[in-house]
Amino acid sequence: MAERNDSMSDKAEDRRDSPRIPMRLKVRREGSSGDFEQHDGDLSLGGCAWPGAGWEQGARVEVRFRLPILPDEVEATGEVLQVAPGANGPSARVRFVDLPVESELAIARHLDDVQRRAGRP
């Protein structure tokens, strides 16, 4: 059991250390049949964030975005961890809770590609 907790802690730590890159996001409340709202936000290995009001901690959301290495949009479910004040108003921080492994690997590869092009280790 301790090994599982350690690996879960390591995974959470890795995600916190993940770089954030600008990303155009489509977002709506989970289960909604309404249109997706478009936001310029950022993407990391474990989640995403975008500026905007109207979100509360604990809300479940559906998020879609495009990665250049995939032919289709990535579709993920997330949970709003916090809505924090920022320079341009509130910003919703979301942790992915339902992300296929293939999508997580594609995000990791995309983040690596972006950092490599930017000359970062």
PDB file of N, CA and C in Angstrom:
ATOM      1  N   MET A   1       0.824  -1.190   0.000  1.00  0.00           N
ATOM      2  CA  MET A   1       0.000   0.000   0.000  1.00  0.00           C
ATOM      3  C   MET A   1       0.869   1.255   0.000  1.00  0.00           C
ATOM      4  N   ALA A   2       1.951   1.267   0.768  1.00  0.00           N
ATOM      5  CA  ALA A   2       2.823   2.442   0.808  1.00  0.00           C
ATOM      6  C   ALA A   2       3.424   2.714  -0.562  1.00  0.00           C
ATOM      7  N   GLU A   3       3.752   1.630  -1.311  1.00  0.00           N
ATOM      8  CA  GLU A   3       4.314   1.834  -2.636  1.00  0.00           C
ATOM      9  C   GLU A   3       3.321   2.562  -3.535  1.00  0.00           C
ATOM     10  N   ARG A   4       2.057   2.189  -3.440  1.00  0.00           N
ATOM     11  CA  ARG A   4       1.047   2.841  -4.265  1.00  0.00           C
ATOM     12  C   ARG A   4       0.947   4.326  -3.917  1.00  0.00           C
ATOM     13  N   ASN A   5       0.926   4.648  -2.639  1.00  0.00           N
ATOM     14  CA  ASN A   5       0.861   6.048  -2.239  1.00  0.00           C
ATOM     15  C   ASN A   5       2.077   6.814  -2.723  1.00  0.00           C
ATOM     16  N   ASP A   6       3.264   6.187  -2.632  1.00  0.00           N
ATOM     17  CA  ASP A   6       4.473   6.853  -3.106  1.00  0.00           C
ATOM     18  C   ASP A   6       4.388   7.126  -4.598  1.00  0.00           C
ATOM     19  N   SER A   7       3.943   6.131  -5.381  1.00  0.00           N
ATOM     20  CA  SER A   7       3.882   6.340  -6.820  1.00  0.00           C
ATOM     21  C   SER A   7       2.832   7.377  -7.173  1.00  0.00           C
ATOM     22  N   MET A   8       1.705   7.391  -6.436  1.00  0.00           N
ATOM     23  CA  MET A   8       0.700   8.418  -6.698  1.00  0.00           C
ATOM     24  C   MET A   8       1.253   9.789  -6.355  1.00  0.00           C
ATOM     25  N   SER A   9       2.008   9.907  -5.276  1.00  0.00           N
ATOM     26  CA  SER A   9       2.611  11.193  -4.913  1.00  0.00           C
ATOM     27  C   SER A   9       3.621  11.622  -5.963  1.00  0.00           C
ATOM     28  N   ASP A  10       4.420  10.670  -6.448  1.00  0.00           N
ATOM     29  CA  ASP A  10       5.401  10.979  -7.480  1.00  0.00           C
ATOM     30  C   ASP A  10       4.709  11.484  -8.743  1.00  0.00           C
ATOM     31  N   LYS A  11       3.615  10.827  -9.126  1.00  0.00           N
ATOM     32  CA  LYS A  11       2.893  11.230 -10.329  1.00  0.00           C
ATOM     33  C   LYS A  11       2.323  12.637 -10.165  1.00  0.00           C
ATOM     34  N   ALA A  12       1.736  12.922  -9.000  1.00  0.00           N
ATOM     35  CA  ALA A  12       1.202  14.264  -8.746  1.00  0.00           C
ATOM     36  C   ALA A  12       2.320  15.293  -8.772  1.00  0.00           C
ATOM     37  N   GLU A  13       3.467  14.956  -8.199  1.00  0.00           N
ATOM     38  CA  GLU A  13       4.609  15.869  -8.191  1.00  0.00           C
ATOM     39  C   GLU A  13       5.097  16.130  -9.616  1.00  0.00           C
ATOM     40  N   ASP A  14       5.165  15.066 -10.448  1.00  0.00           N
ATOM     41  CA  ASP A  14       5.573  15.222 -11.836  1.00  0.00           C
ATOM     42  C   ASP A  14       4.645  16.182 -12.569  1.00  0.00           C
ATOM     43  N   ARG A  15       3.348  16.062 -12.303  1.00  0.00           N
ATOM     44  CA  ARG A  15       2.389  16.920 -12.981  1.00  0.00           C
ATOM     45  C   ARG A  15       2.542  18.371 -12.538  1.00  0.00           C
ATOM     46  N   ARG A  16       2.815  18.597 -11.253  1.00  0.00           N
ATOM     47  CA  ARG A  16       3.011  19.973 -10.780  1.00  0.00           C
ATOM     48  C   ARG A  16       4.245  20.586 -11.421  1.00  0.00           C
ATOM     49  N   ASP A  17       5.253  19.749 -11.707  1.00  0.00           N
ATOM     50  CA  ASP A  17       6.480  20.234 -12.313  1.00  0.00           C
ATOM     51  C   ASP A  17       6.381  20.342 -13.837  1.00  0.00           C
ATOM     52  N   SER A  18       5.280  19.888 -14.402  1.00  0.00           N
ATOM     53  CA  SER A  18       5.104  19.896 -15.839  1.00  0.00           C
ATOM     54  C   SER A  18       5.065  21.327 -16.358  1.00  0.00           C
ATOM     55  N   PRO A  19       5.712  21.558 -17.498  1.00  0.00           N
ATOM     56  CA  PRO A  19       5.635  22.901 -18.084  1.00  0.00           C
ATOM     57  C   PRO A  19       4.209  23.194 -18.533  1.00  0.00           C
ATOM     58  N   ARG A  20       3.883  24.460 -18.601  1.00  0.00           N
ATOM     59  CA  ARG A  20       2.581  24.902 -19.103  1.00  0.00           C
ATOM     60  C   ARG A  20       2.827  25.626 -20.420  1.00  0.00           C
ATOM     61  N   ILE A  21       2.054  25.260 -21.409  1.00  0.00           N
ATOM     62  CA  ILE A  21       2.211  25.895 -22.713  1.00  0.00           C
ATOM     63  C   ILE A  21       0.871  26.492 -23.143  1.00  0.00           C
ATOM     64  N   PRO A  22       0.909  27.572 -23.895  1.00  0.00           N
ATOM     65  CA  PRO A  22      -0.336  28.187 -24.363  1.00  0.00           C
ATOM     66  C   PRO A  22      -1.137  27.196 -25.207  1.00  0.00           C
ATOM     67  N   MET A  23      -2.453  27.223 -25.025  1.00  0.00           N
ATOM     68  CA  MET A  23      -3.306  26.296 -25.765  1.00  0.00           C
ATOM     69  C   MET A  23      -4.696  26.902 -25.906  1.00  0.00           C
ATOM     70  N   ARG A  24      -5.280  26.757 -27.066  1.00  0.00           N
ATOM     71  CA  ARG A  24      -6.674  27.151 -27.302  1.00  0.00           C
ATOM     72  C   ARG A  24      -7.541  26.004 -26.798  1.00  0.00           C
ATOM     73  N   LEU A  25      -8.428  26.293 -25.847  1.00  0.00           N
ATOM     74  CA  LEU A  25      -9.253  25.272 -25.202  1.00  0.00           C
ATOM     75  C   LEU A  25     -10.728  25.507 -25.500  1.00  0.00           C
ATOM     76  N   LYS A  26     -11.465  24.421 -25.622  1.00  0.00           N
ATOM     77  CA  LYS A  26     -12.925  24.472 -25.699  1.00  0.00           C
ATOM     78  C   LYS A  26     -13.427  23.847 -24.397  1.00  0.00           C
ATOM     79  N   VAL A  27     -14.323  24.543 -23.710  1.00  0.00           N
ATOM     80  CA  VAL A  27     -14.744  24.105 -22.374  1.00  0.00           C
ATOM     81  C   VAL A  27     -16.257  24.235 -22.221  1.00  0.00           C
ATOM     82  N   ARG A  28     -16.850  23.278 -21.522  1.00  0.00           N
ATOM     83  CA  ARG A  28     -18.245  23.376 -21.089  1.00  0.00           C
ATOM     84  C   ARG A  28     -18.426  22.492 -19.858  1.00  0.00           C
ATOM     85  N   ARG A  29     -19.487  22.739 -19.126  1.00  0.00           N
ATOM     86  CA  ARG A  29     -19.788  21.926 -17.952  1.00  0.00           C
ATOM     87  C   ARG A  29     -20.071  20.491 -18.388  1.00  0.00           C
ATOM     88  N   GLU A  30     -19.596  19.543 -17.602  1.00  0.00           N
ATOM     89  CA  GLU A  30     -19.824  18.139 -17.908  1.00  0.00           C
ATOM     90  C   GLU A  30     -21.328  17.859 -17.986  1.00  0.00           C
ATOM     91  N   GLY A  31     -21.724  17.133 -19.009  1.00  0.00           N
ATOM     92  CA  GLY A  31     -23.124  16.772 -19.174  1.00  0.00           C
ATOM     93  C   GLY A  31     -23.975  17.819 -19.869  1.00  0.00           C
ATOM     94  N   SER A  32     -23.400  18.977 -20.137  1.00  0.00           N
ATOM     95  CA  SER A  32     -24.144  20.045 -20.800  1.00  0.00           C
ATOM     96  C   SER A  32     -24.311  19.718 -22.284  1.00  0.00           C
ATOM     97  N   SER A  33     -25.431  20.120 -22.836  1.00  0.00           N
ATOM     98  CA  SER A  33     -25.617  19.969 -24.276  1.00  0.00           C
ATOM     99  C   SER A  33     -25.354  21.296 -24.988  1.00  0.00           C
ATOM    100  N   GLY A  34     -24.944  22.313 -24.208  1.00  0.00           N
ATOM    101  CA  GLY A  34     -24.654  23.622 -24.775  1.00  0.00           C
ATOM    102  C   GLY A  34     -23.355  23.637 -25.562  1.00  0.00           C
ATOM    103  N   ASP A  35     -23.134  24.747 -26.211  1.00  0.00           N
ATOM    104  CA  ASP A  35     -21.906  24.921 -26.987  1.00  0.00           C
ATOM    105  C   ASP A  35     -20.695  25.006 -26.067  1.00  0.00           C
ATOM    106  N   PHE A  36     -19.553  24.638 -26.607  1.00  0.00           N
ATOM    107  CA  PHE A  36     -18.292  24.801 -25.900  1.00  0.00           C
ATOM    108  C   PHE A  36     -17.877  26.266 -25.968  1.00  0.00           C
ATOM    109  N   GLU A  37     -17.374  26.804 -24.861  1.00  0.00           N
ATOM    110  CA  GLU A  37     -16.787  28.143 -24.836  1.00  0.00           C
ATOM    111  C   GLU A  37     -15.323  28.010 -25.229  1.00  0.00           C
ATOM    112  N   GLN A  38     -14.827  28.951 -26.019  1.00  0.00           N
ATOM    113  CA  GLN A  38     -13.419  28.927 -26.399  1.00  0.00           C
ATOM    114  C   GLN A  38     -12.640  29.861 -25.489  1.00  0.00           C
ATOM    115  N   HIS A  39     -11.486  29.366 -25.022  1.00  0.00           N
ATOM    116  CA  HIS A  39     -10.620  30.148 -24.136  1.00  0.00           C
ATOM    117  C   HIS A  39      -9.169  29.978 -24.569  1.00  0.00           C
ATOM    118  N   ASP A  40      -8.409  31.059 -24.502  1.00  0.00           N
ATOM    119  CA  ASP A  40      -6.961  30.964 -24.640  1.00  0.00           C
ATOM    120  C   ASP A  40      -6.429  30.693 -23.249  1.00  0.00           C
ATOM    121  N   GLY A  41      -5.864  29.518 -23.041  1.00  0.00           N
ATOM    122  CA  GLY A  41      -5.378  29.124 -21.725  1.00  0.00           C
ATOM    123  C   GLY A  41      -4.024  28.477 -21.823  1.00  0.00           C
ATOM    124  N   ASP A  42      -3.789  27.524 -20.927  1.00  0.00           N
ATOM    125  CA  ASP A  42      -2.549  26.775 -20.994  1.00  0.00           C
ATOM    126  C   ASP A  42      -2.818  25.313 -20.674  1.00  0.00           C
ATOM    127  N   LEU A  43      -1.890  24.474 -21.119  1.00  0.00           N
ATOM    128  CA  LEU A  43      -1.987  23.033 -20.977  1.00  0.00           C
ATOM    129  C   LEU A  43      -0.740  22.524 -20.284  1.00  0.00           C
ATOM    130  N   SER A  44      -0.929  21.571 -19.370  1.00  0.00           N
ATOM    131  CA  SER A  44       0.195  20.875 -18.744  1.00  0.00           C
ATOM    132  C   SER A  44      -0.126  19.385 -18.786  1.00  0.00           C
ATOM    133  N   LEU A  45       0.764  18.574 -18.288  1.00  0.00           N
ATOM    134  CA  LEU A  45       0.566  17.129 -18.344  1.00  0.00           C
ATOM    135  C   LEU A  45      -0.689  16.698 -17.602  1.00  0.00           C
ATOM    136  N   GLY A  46      -0.977  17.289 -16.478  1.00  0.00           N
ATOM    137  CA  GLY A  46      -2.096  16.832 -15.665  1.00  0.00           C
ATOM    138  C   GLY A  46      -3.357  17.655 -15.757  1.00  0.00           C
ATOM    139  N   GLY A  47      -3.333  18.745 -16.529  1.00  0.00           N
ATOM    140  CA  GLY A  47      -4.531  19.569 -16.566  1.00  0.00           C
ATOM    141  C   GLY A  47      -4.359  20.794 -17.434  1.00  0.00           C
ATOM    142  N   CYS A  48      -5.190  21.779 -17.152  1.00  0.00           N
ATOM    143  CA  CYS A  48      -5.166  23.001 -17.944  1.00  0.00           C
ATOM    144  C   CYS A  48      -5.709  24.143 -17.103  1.00  0.00           C
ATOM    145  N   ALA A  49      -5.623  25.330 -17.648  1.00  0.00           N
ATOM    146  CA  ALA A  49      -6.134  26.523 -16.964  1.00  0.00           C
ATOM    147  C   ALA A  49      -6.548  27.523 -18.026  1.00  0.00           C
ATOM    148  N   TRP A  50      -7.499  28.374 -17.645  1.00  0.00           N
ATOM    149  CA  TRP A  50      -7.924  29.447 -18.531  1.00  0.00           C
ATOM    150  C   TRP A  50      -8.499  30.578 -17.701  1.00  0.00           C
ATOM    151  N   PRO A  51      -8.367  31.802 -18.195  1.00  0.00           N
ATOM    152  CA  PRO A  51      -8.956  32.937 -17.486  1.00  0.00           C
ATOM    153  C   PRO A  51     -10.456  32.996 -17.739  1.00  0.00           C
ATOM    154  N   GLY A  52     -11.176  33.411 -16.746  1.00  0.00           N
ATOM    155  CA  GLY A  52     -12.609  33.583 -16.912  1.00  0.00           C
ATOM    156  C   GLY A  52     -13.375  33.363 -15.627  1.00  0.00           C
ATOM    157  N   ALA A  53     -14.466  34.055 -15.497  1.00  0.00           N
ATOM    158  CA  ALA A  53     -15.331  33.934 -14.323  1.00  0.00           C
ATOM    159  C   ALA A  53     -16.402  32.885 -14.603  1.00  0.00           C
ATOM    160  N   GLY A  54     -17.163  32.558 -13.579  1.00  0.00           N
ATOM    161  CA  GLY A  54     -18.284  31.656 -13.753  1.00  0.00           C
ATOM    162  C   GLY A  54     -17.992  30.203 -13.437  1.00  0.00           C
ATOM    163  N   TRP A  55     -16.821  29.911 -12.932  1.00  0.00           N
ATOM    164  CA  TRP A  55     -16.456  28.542 -12.567  1.00  0.00           C
ATOM    165  C   TRP A  55     -16.254  28.476 -11.065  1.00  0.00           C
ATOM    166  N   GLU A  56     -16.575  27.355 -10.479  1.00  0.00           N
ATOM    167  CA  GLU A  56     -16.385  27.197  -9.045  1.00  0.00           C
ATOM    168  C   GLU A  56     -15.599  25.920  -8.777  1.00  0.00           C
ATOM    169  N   GLN A  57     -14.908  25.920  -7.652  1.00  0.00           N
ATOM    170  CA  GLN A  57     -14.119  24.763  -7.245  1.00  0.00           C
ATOM    171  C   GLN A  57     -15.033  23.542  -7.180  1.00  0.00           C
ATOM    172  N   GLY A  58     -14.552  22.425  -7.719  1.00  0.00           N
ATOM    173  CA  GLY A  58     -15.304  21.175  -7.705  1.00  0.00           C
ATOM    174  C   GLY A  58     -16.155  20.946  -8.935  1.00  0.00           C
ATOM    175  N   ALA A  59     -16.356  21.973  -9.756  1.00  0.00           N
ATOM    176  CA  ALA A  59     -17.157  21.801 -10.970  1.00  0.00           C
ATOM    177  C   ALA A  59     -16.466  20.808 -11.904  1.00  0.00           C
ATOM    178  N   ARG A  60     -17.255  19.967 -12.546  1.00  0.00           N
ATOM    179  CA  ARG A  60     -16.721  19.031 -13.535  1.00  0.00           C
ATOM    180  C   ARG A  60     -16.930  19.653 -14.914  1.00  0.00           C
ATOM    181  N   VAL A  61     -15.905  19.536 -15.747  1.00  0.00           N
ATOM    182  CA  VAL A  61     -15.930  20.160 -17.063  1.00  0.00           C
ATOM    183  C   VAL A  61     -15.484  19.176 -18.132  1.00  0.00           C
ATOM    184  N   GLU A  62     -15.923  19.446 -19.340  1.00  0.00           N
ATOM    185  CA  GLU A  62     -15.434  18.750 -20.520  1.00  0.00           C
ATOM    186  C   GLU A  62     -14.506  19.726 -21.236  1.00  0.00           C
ATOM    187  N   VAL A  63     -13.333  19.230 -21.615  1.00  0.00           N
ATOM    188  CA  VAL A  63     -12.337  20.081 -22.273  1.00  0.00           C
ATOM    189  C   VAL A  63     -11.925  19.412 -23.583  1.00  0.00           C
ATOM    190  N   ARG A  64     -11.798  20.213 -24.613  1.00  0.00           N
ATOM    191  CA  ARG A  64     -11.301  19.722 -25.909  1.00  0.00           C
ATOM    192  C   ARG A  64     -10.204  20.655 -26.395  1.00  0.00           C
ATOM    193  N   PHE A  65      -9.221  20.066 -27.062  1.00  0.00           N
ATOM    194  CA  PHE A  65      -8.139  20.860 -27.650  1.00  0.00           C
ATOM    195  C   PHE A  65      -7.456  20.025 -28.719  1.00  0.00           C
ATOM    196  N   ARG A  66      -6.729  20.708 -29.567  1.00  0.00           N
ATOM    197  CA  ARG A  66      -6.014  20.042 -30.668  1.00  0.00           C
ATOM    198  C   ARG A  66      -4.515  20.022 -30.384  1.00  0.00           C
ATOM    199  N   LEU A  67      -3.925  18.887 -30.685  1.00  0.00           N
ATOM    200  CA  LEU A  67      -2.472  18.748 -30.662  1.00  0.00           C
ATOM    201  C   LEU A  67      -2.017  18.478 -32.087  1.00  0.00           C
ATOM    202  N   PRO A  68      -0.923  19.101 -32.524  1.00  0.00           N
ATOM    203  CA  PRO A  68      -0.496  18.918 -33.915  1.00  0.00           C
ATOM    204  C   PRO A  68      -0.113  17.470 -34.242  1.00  0.00           C
ATOM    205  N   ILE A  69       0.179  16.669 -33.233  1.00  0.00           N
ATOM    206  CA  ILE A  69       0.605  15.295 -33.488  1.00  0.00           C
ATOM    207  C   ILE A  69      -0.563  14.311 -33.546  1.00  0.00           C
ATOM    208  N   LEU A  70      -1.800  14.788 -33.359  1.00  0.00           N
ATOM    209  CA  LEU A  70      -2.980  13.917 -33.419  1.00  0.00           C
ATOM    210  C   LEU A  70      -3.953  14.414 -34.481  1.00  0.00           C
ATOM    211  N   PRO A  71      -4.627  13.492 -35.169  1.00  0.00           N
ATOM    212  CA  PRO A  71      -5.579  13.915 -36.203  1.00  0.00           C
ATOM    213  C   PRO A  71      -6.888  14.466 -35.635  1.00  0.00           C
ATOM    214  N   ASP A  72      -7.283  14.031 -34.439  1.00  0.00           N
ATOM    215  CA  ASP A  72      -8.555  14.452 -33.849  1.00  0.00           C
ATOM    216  C   ASP A  72      -8.315  15.254 -32.576  1.00  0.00           C
ATOM    217  N   GLU A  73      -9.354  15.968 -32.145  1.00  0.00           N
ATOM    218  CA  GLU A  73      -9.284  16.700 -30.889  1.00  0.00           C
ATOM    219  C   GLU A  73      -9.105  15.736 -29.719  1.00  0.00           C
ATOM    220  N   VAL A  74      -8.385  16.176 -28.717  1.00  0.00           N
ATOM    221  CA  VAL A  74      -8.311  15.454 -27.454  1.00  0.00           C
ATOM    222  C   VAL A  74      -9.549  15.851 -26.663  1.00  0.00           C
ATOM    223  N   GLU A  75     -10.226  14.855 -26.102  1.00  0.00           N
ATOM    224  CA  GLU A  75     -11.400  15.106 -25.273  1.00  0.00           C
ATOM    225  C   GLU A  75     -11.085  14.600 -23.871  1.00  0.00           C
ATOM    226  N   ALA A  76     -11.289  15.459 -22.875  1.00  0.00           N
ATOM    227  CA  ALA A  76     -10.968  15.099 -21.495  1.00  0.00           C
ATOM    228  C   ALA A  76     -12.036  15.632 -20.557  1.00  0.00           C
ATOM    229  N   THR A  77     -12.170  14.950 -19.439  1.00  0.00           N
ATOM    230  CA  THR A  77     -13.011  15.433 -18.355  1.00  0.00           C
ATOM    231  C   THR A  77     -12.090  15.934 -17.266  1.00  0.00           C
ATOM    232  N   GLY A  78     -12.458  17.037 -16.638  1.00  0.00           N
ATOM    233  CA  GLY A  78     -11.626  17.595 -15.589  1.00  0.00           C
ATOM    234  C   GLY A  78     -12.450  18.101 -14.428  1.00  0.00           C
ATOM    235  N   GLU A  79     -11.747  18.407 -13.358  1.00  0.00           N
ATOM    236  CA  GLU A  79     -12.366  18.981 -12.167  1.00  0.00           C
ATOM    237  C   GLU A  79     -11.669  20.290 -11.848  1.00  0.00           C
ATOM    238  N   VAL A  80     -12.452  21.330 -11.623  1.00  0.00           N
ATOM    239  CA  VAL A  80     -11.878  22.625 -11.265  1.00  0.00           C
ATOM    240  C   VAL A  80     -11.306  22.503  -9.849  1.00  0.00           C
ATOM    241  N   LEU A  81      -9.987  22.662  -9.743  1.00  0.00           N
ATOM    242  CA  LEU A  81      -9.321  22.573  -8.440  1.00  0.00           C
ATOM    243  C   LEU A  81      -9.418  23.886  -7.691  1.00  0.00           C
ATOM    244  N   GLN A  82      -9.301  24.975  -8.422  1.00  0.00           N
ATOM    245  CA  GLN A  82      -9.392  26.288  -7.791  1.00  0.00           C
ATOM    246  C   GLN A  82      -9.668  27.341  -8.843  1.00  0.00           C
ATOM    247  N   VAL A  83     -10.233  28.416  -8.398  1.00  0.00           N
ATOM    248  CA  VAL A  83     -10.389  29.600  -9.226  1.00  0.00           C
ATOM    249  C   VAL A  83      -9.593  30.679  -8.509  1.00  0.00           C
ATOM    250  N   ALA A  84      -8.475  31.053  -9.119  1.00  0.00           N
ATOM    251  CA  ALA A  84      -7.538  31.965  -8.465  1.00  0.00           C
ATOM    252  C   ALA A  84      -7.541  33.320  -9.148  1.00  0.00           C
ATOM    253  N   PRO A  85      -7.376  34.382  -8.366  1.00  0.00           N
ATOM    254  CA  PRO A  85      -7.272  35.704  -8.978  1.00  0.00           C
ATOM    255  C   PRO A  85      -5.970  35.821  -9.762  1.00  0.00           C
ATOM    256  N   GLY A  86      -6.030  36.540 -10.844  1.00  0.00           N
ATOM    257  CA  GLY A  86      -4.836  36.749 -11.652  1.00  0.00           C
ATOM    258  C   GLY A  86      -4.766  38.180 -12.125  1.00  0.00           C
ATOM    259  N   ALA A  87      -3.738  38.490 -12.869  1.00  0.00           N
ATOM    260  CA  ALA A  87      -3.536  39.850 -13.364  1.00  0.00           C
ATOM    261  C   ALA A  87      -4.699  40.312 -14.237  1.00  0.00           C
ATOM    262  N   ASN A  88      -5.314  39.379 -14.961  1.00  0.00           N
ATOM    263  CA  ASN A  88      -6.414  39.720 -15.863  1.00  0.00           C
ATOM    264  C   ASN A  88      -7.755  39.173 -15.373  1.00  0.00           C
ATOM    265  N   GLY A  89      -7.897  39.004 -14.062  1.00  0.00           N
ATOM    266  CA  GLY A  89      -9.134  38.471 -13.508  1.00  0.00           C
ATOM    267  C   GLY A  89      -8.969  37.031 -13.055  1.00  0.00           C
ATOM    268  N   PRO A  90     -10.076  36.372 -12.704  1.00  0.00           N
ATOM    269  CA  PRO A  90      -9.986  35.006 -12.188  1.00  0.00           C
ATOM    270  C   PRO A  90      -9.541  34.014 -13.260  1.00  0.00           C
ATOM    271  N   SER A  91      -8.907  32.931 -12.820  1.00  0.00           N
ATOM    272  CA  SER A  91      -8.439  31.879 -13.711  1.00  0.00           C
ATOM    273  C   SER A  91      -8.800  30.533 -13.103  1.00  0.00           C
ATOM    274  N   ALA A  92      -9.428  29.665 -13.900  1.00  0.00           N
ATOM    275  CA  ALA A  92      -9.808  28.330 -13.449  1.00  0.00           C
ATOM    276  C   ALA A  92      -8.661  27.357 -13.704  1.00  0.00           C
ATOM    277  N   ARG A  93      -8.264  26.626 -12.674  1.00  0.00           N
ATOM    278  CA  ARG A  93      -7.236  25.588 -12.779  1.00  0.00           C
ATOM    279  C   ARG A  93      -7.923  24.241 -12.697  1.00  0.00           C
ATOM    280  N   VAL A  94      -7.678  23.388 -13.687  1.00  0.00           N
ATOM    281  CA  VAL A  94      -8.391  22.123 -13.823  1.00  0.00           C
ATOM    282  C   VAL A  94      -7.414  20.953 -13.855  1.00  0.00           C
ATOM    283  N   ARG A  95      -7.799  19.894 -13.149  1.00  0.00           N
ATOM    284  CA  ARG A  95      -7.043  18.632 -13.168  1.00  0.00           C
ATOM    285  C   ARG A  95      -7.842  17.642 -14.003  1.00  0.00           C
ATOM    286  N   PHE A  96      -7.178  16.999 -14.978  1.00  0.00           N
ATOM    287  CA  PHE A  96      -7.848  15.986 -15.767  1.00  0.00           C
ATOM    288  C   PHE A  96      -8.153  14.776 -14.891  1.00  0.00           C
ATOM    289  N   VAL A  97      -9.370  14.259 -14.999  1.00  0.00           N
ATOM    290  CA  VAL A  97      -9.748  13.077 -14.216  1.00  0.00           C
ATOM    291  C   VAL A  97     -10.121  11.903 -15.107  1.00  0.00           C
ATOM    292  N   ASP A  98     -10.363  12.141 -16.363  1.00  0.00           N
ATOM    293  CA  ASP A  98     -10.727  11.065 -17.282  1.00  0.00           C
ATOM    294  C   ASP A  98     -10.027  11.341 -18.600  1.00  0.00           C
ATOM    295  N   LEU A  99      -8.785  10.881 -18.697  1.00  0.00           N
ATOM    296  CA  LEU A  99      -7.981  11.144 -19.879  1.00  0.00           C
ATOM    297  C   LEU A  99      -7.402   9.820 -20.361  1.00  0.00           C
ATOM    298  N   PRO A 100      -7.723   9.405 -21.578  1.00  0.00           N
ATOM    299  CA  PRO A 100      -7.154   8.158 -22.091  1.00  0.00           C
ATOM    300  C   PRO A 100      -5.626   8.206 -22.088  1.00  0.00           C
ATOM    301  N   VAL A 101      -5.015   7.060 -21.859  1.00  0.00           N
ATOM    302  CA  VAL A 101      -3.550   6.968 -21.797  1.00  0.00           C
ATOM    303  C   VAL A 101      -2.924   7.497 -23.086  1.00  0.00           C
ATOM    304  N   GLU A 102      -3.531   7.185 -24.221  1.00  0.00           N
ATOM    305  CA  GLU A 102      -2.992   7.657 -25.503  1.00  0.00           C
ATOM    306  C   GLU A 102      -2.945   9.184 -25.550  1.00  0.00           C
ATOM    307  N   SER A 103      -3.976   9.811 -25.005  1.00  0.00           N
ATOM    308  CA  SER A 103      -4.013  11.277 -24.983  1.00  0.00           C
ATOM    309  C   SER A 103      -2.964  11.834 -24.035  1.00  0.00           C
ATOM    310  N   GLU A 104      -2.803  11.203 -22.864  1.00  0.00           N
ATOM    311  CA  GLU A 104      -1.791  11.663 -21.908  1.00  0.00           C
ATOM    312  C   GLU A 104      -0.394  11.551 -22.512  1.00  0.00           C
ATOM    313  N   LEU A 105      -0.132  10.458 -23.220  1.00  0.00           N
ATOM    314  CA  LEU A 105       1.172  10.291 -23.875  1.00  0.00           C
ATOM    315  C   LEU A 105       1.367  11.330 -24.981  1.00  0.00           C
ATOM    316  N   ALA A 106       0.308  11.637 -25.720  1.00  0.00           N
ATOM    317  CA  ALA A 106       0.408  12.648 -26.778  1.00  0.00           C
ATOM    318  C   ALA A 106       0.678  14.029 -26.188  1.00  0.00           C
ATOM    319  N   ILE A 107       0.037  14.344 -25.053  1.00  0.00           N
ATOM    320  CA  ILE A 107       0.302  15.626 -24.381  1.00  0.00           C
ATOM    321  C   ILE A 107       1.758  15.692 -23.949  1.00  0.00           C
ATOM    322  N   ALA A 108       2.256  14.625 -23.329  1.00  0.00           N
ATOM    323  CA  ALA A 108       3.652  14.593 -22.876  1.00  0.00           C
ATOM    324  C   ALA A 108       4.604  14.793 -24.052  1.00  0.00           C
ATOM    325  N   ARG A 109       4.332  14.130 -25.163  1.00  0.00           N
ATOM    326  CA  ARG A 109       5.188  14.275 -26.343  1.00  0.00           C
ATOM    327  C   ARG A 109       5.133  15.708 -26.885  1.00  0.00           C
ATOM    328  N   HIS A 110       3.929  16.279 -26.931  1.00  0.00           N
ATOM    329  CA  HIS A 110       3.781  17.652 -27.421  1.00  0.00           C
ATOM    330  C   HIS A 110       4.540  18.640 -26.525  1.00  0.00           C
ATOM    331  N   LEU A 111       4.415  18.481 -25.207  1.00  0.00           N
ATOM    332  CA  LEU A 111       5.138  19.352 -24.277  1.00  0.00           C
ATOM    333  C   LEU A 111       6.644  19.234 -24.493  1.00  0.00           C
ATOM    334  N   ASP A 112       7.139  18.005 -24.674  1.00  0.00           N
ATOM    335  CA  ASP A 112       8.564  17.798 -24.945  1.00  0.00           C
ATOM    336  C   ASP A 112       8.978  18.485 -26.245  1.00  0.00           C
ATOM    337  N   ASP A 113       8.153  18.330 -27.293  1.00  0.00           N
ATOM    338  CA  ASP A 113       8.461  18.948 -28.582  1.00  0.00           C
ATOM    339  C   ASP A 113       8.548  20.467 -28.469  1.00  0.00           C
ATOM    340  N   VAL A 114       7.578  21.070 -27.760  1.00  0.00           N
ATOM    341  CA  VAL A 114       7.562  22.520 -27.599  1.00  0.00           C
ATOM    342  C   VAL A 114       8.787  22.988 -26.831  1.00  0.00           C
ATOM    343  N   GLN A 115       9.127  22.271 -25.762  1.00  0.00           N
ATOM    344  CA  GLN A 115      10.310  22.669 -24.979  1.00  0.00           C
ATOM    345  C   GLN A 115      11.591  22.501 -25.778  1.00  0.00           C
ATOM    346  N   ARG A 116      11.678  21.432 -26.554  1.00  0.00           N
ATOM    347  CA  ARG A 116      12.877  21.206 -27.369  1.00  0.00           C
ATOM    348  C   ARG A 116      13.042  22.327 -28.398  1.00  0.00           C
ATOM    349  N   ARG A 117      11.925  22.730 -29.035  1.00  0.00           N
ATOM    350  CA  ARG A 117      11.989  23.821 -30.015  1.00  0.00           C
ATOM    351  C   ARG A 117      12.362  25.145 -29.355  1.00  0.00           C
ATOM    352  N   ALA A 118      11.985  25.301 -28.098  1.00  0.00           N
ATOM    353  CA  ALA A 118      12.303  26.533 -27.374  1.00  0.00           C
ATOM    354  C   ALA A 118      13.722  26.492 -26.797  1.00  0.00           C
ATOM    355  N   GLY A 119      14.403  25.355 -26.958  1.00  0.00           N
ATOM    356  CA  GLY A 119      15.777  25.227 -26.472  1.00  0.00           C
ATOM    357  C   GLY A 119      15.884  24.974 -24.983  1.00  0.00           C
ATOM    358  N   ARG A 120      14.815  24.432 -24.388  1.00  0.00           N
ATOM    359  CA  ARG A 120      14.851  24.115 -22.953  1.00  0.00           C
ATOM    360  C   ARG A 120      15.115  22.637 -22.775  1.00  0.00           C
ATOM    361  N   PRO A 121      15.850  22.273 -21.718  1.00  0.00           N
ATOM    362  CA  PRO A 121      16.124  20.852 -21.478  1.00  0.00           C
ATOM    363  C   PRO A 121      14.898  20.090 -21.068  1.00  0.00           C
TER     364      PRO A 121
END
